[in-house]
């Protein structure tokens, strides 16, 4: 149980750290958020918890493919925010991301990459 609490605290600490940096600097906050910190932390947790190399490698592999259809959201969000407000923009971004992911998964299936 102590290990689980430690994982939660360290992982949550990263989110808080990034949001605090972003308050002070848009560019630095965005840069740190764009780094694959959570993925690296997740890979570390999997390794420490004695998961197989195949499991760890698969996580990295699928993370790569899942990042690609999320990229349009980073262009859509700043465009919509001043027009629609935060919550509608957030919802719209989520919907667009889900649609992009579904379409991307269909396209990638043709190349032998099964994402669903």
Protein backbone atom coordinates (compact mmCIF):
# COMPACT_ATOMS: atom_id res chain seq x y z
CA UNK A 1 0.00 0.00 0.00
CA UNK A 2 2.89 2.37 0.74
CA UNK A 3 4.24 1.77 -2.76
CA UNK A 4 0.88 2.65 -4.33
CA UNK A 5 0.64 5.88 -2.31
CA UNK A 6 4.21 6.77 -3.32
CA UNK A 7 3.33 6.22 -6.99
CA UNK A 8 0.26 8.42 -6.72
CA UNK A 9 2.11 11.20 -4.91
CA UNK A 10 5.03 11.28 -7.36
CA UNK A 11 2.77 11.13 -10.40
CA UNK A 12 0.42 13.80 -9.04
CA UNK A 13 3.46 15.87 -8.10
CA UNK A 14 4.51 15.93 -11.75
CA UNK A 15 1.11 17.30 -12.81
CA UNK A 16 1.19 19.96 -10.09
CA UNK A 17 4.78 20.88 -10.99
CA UNK A 18 3.92 21.32 -14.68
CA UNK A 19 0.83 23.42 -13.91
CA UNK A 20 2.83 25.64 -11.53
CA UNK A 21 5.55 26.18 -14.14
CA UNK A 22 2.87 26.93 -16.77
CA UNK A 23 1.45 29.68 -14.51
CA UNK A 24 4.80 31.45 -14.70
CA UNK A 25 5.82 30.69 -18.28
CA UNK A 26 3.58 29.52 -21.11
CA UNK A 27 6.54 28.38 -23.18
CA UNK A 28 8.39 26.53 -20.43
CA UNK A 29 5.18 24.96 -19.13
CA UNK A 30 4.29 23.79 -22.62
CA UNK A 31 7.79 22.47 -23.20
CA UNK A 32 7.80 20.46 -19.97
CA UNK A 33 4.26 19.18 -20.64
CA UNK A 34 5.34 18.09 -24.14
CA UNK A 35 8.15 16.00 -22.73
CA UNK A 36 7.17 12.37 -22.32
CA UNK A 37 7.54 12.63 -18.54
CA UNK A 38 4.42 10.64 -17.71
CA UNK A 39 5.35 7.95 -20.19
CA UNK A 40 8.86 7.71 -18.76
CA UNK A 41 7.42 7.59 -15.25
CA UNK A 42 4.99 4.85 -16.31
CA UNK A 43 7.78 2.85 -17.95
CA UNK A 44 9.78 3.21 -14.75
CA UNK A 45 6.84 2.01 -12.61
CA UNK A 46 6.36 -1.00 -14.90
CA UNK A 47 10.06 -1.86 -14.65
CA UNK A 48 10.19 -1.45 -10.86
CA UNK A 49 7.09 -3.64 -10.57
CA UNK A 50 8.88 -6.40 -12.51
CA UNK A 51 6.72 -6.31 -15.62
CA UNK A 52 8.11 -8.15 -18.62
CA UNK A 53 10.27 -6.36 -21.15
CA UNK A 54 7.61 -7.17 -23.74
CA UNK A 55 4.95 -5.40 -21.64
CA UNK A 56 7.17 -2.34 -21.17
CA UNK A 57 8.11 -2.24 -24.86
CA UNK A 58 4.46 -2.61 -25.89
CA UNK A 59 3.53 0.31 -23.67
CA UNK A 60 6.10 2.54 -25.37
CA UNK A 61 5.07 1.28 -28.83
CA UNK A 62 1.35 1.95 -28.35
CA UNK A 63 2.00 5.29 -26.67
CA UNK A 64 3.74 6.40 -29.86
CA UNK A 65 0.73 5.48 -31.99
CA UNK A 66 -1.78 6.97 -29.54
CA UNK A 67 0.01 10.34 -29.44
CA UNK A 68 -0.37 10.97 -33.17
CA UNK A 69 -4.19 11.35 -33.28
CA UNK A 70 -4.11 13.67 -30.24
CA UNK A 71 -1.98 16.27 -32.02
CA UNK A 72 -4.86 18.08 -33.79
CA UNK A 73 -6.32 18.88 -30.36
CA UNK A 74 -3.31 21.06 -29.58
CA UNK A 75 -4.12 23.25 -32.59
CA UNK A 76 -7.89 23.17 -32.16
CA UNK A 77 -7.91 24.07 -28.45
CA UNK A 78 -6.21 27.49 -28.70
CA UNK A 79 -8.30 28.32 -31.78
CA UNK A 80 -11.64 27.51 -30.14
CA UNK A 81 -10.94 28.76 -26.60
CA UNK A 82 -11.56 32.48 -27.23
CA UNK A 83 -14.64 31.67 -29.33
CA UNK A 84 -16.37 29.05 -27.18
CA UNK A 85 -14.99 29.28 -23.64
CA UNK A 86 -13.09 26.67 -21.68
CA UNK A 87 -15.61 23.86 -21.11
CA UNK A 88 -17.11 23.78 -24.60
CA UNK A 89 -13.60 23.93 -26.05
CA UNK A 90 -12.53 21.07 -23.77
CA UNK A 91 -15.51 18.97 -24.78
CA UNK A 92 -15.03 19.74 -28.46
CA UNK A 93 -11.35 18.86 -28.21
CA UNK A 94 -12.18 15.53 -26.61
CA UNK A 95 -14.76 14.72 -29.28
CA UNK A 96 -12.35 15.66 -32.10
CA UNK A 97 -9.60 13.59 -30.49
CA UNK A 98 -11.87 10.54 -30.23
CA UNK A 99 -12.91 10.95 -33.87
CA UNK A 100 -9.28 11.41 -34.98
CA UNK A 101 -8.29 8.36 -32.99
CA UNK A 102 -11.03 6.23 -34.54
CA UNK A 103 -10.13 7.32 -38.06
CA UNK A 104 -6.42 6.88 -37.37
CA UNK A 105 -7.01 3.38 -36.00
CA UNK A 106 -8.94 2.45 -39.15
CA UNK A 107 -6.15 3.75 -41.39
CA UNK A 108 -3.39 2.08 -39.36
CA UNK A 109 -5.23 -1.25 -39.44
CA UNK A 110 -4.52 -1.29 -43.18
CA UNK A 111 -0.81 -1.18 -42.30
CA UNK A 112 -1.00 -4.00 -39.77
CA UNK A 113 -1.06 -1.76 -36.67
CA UNK A 114 -4.07 -2.73 -34.53
CA UNK A 115 -4.87 0.05 -32.09
CA UNK A 116 -8.35 -1.06 -31.04
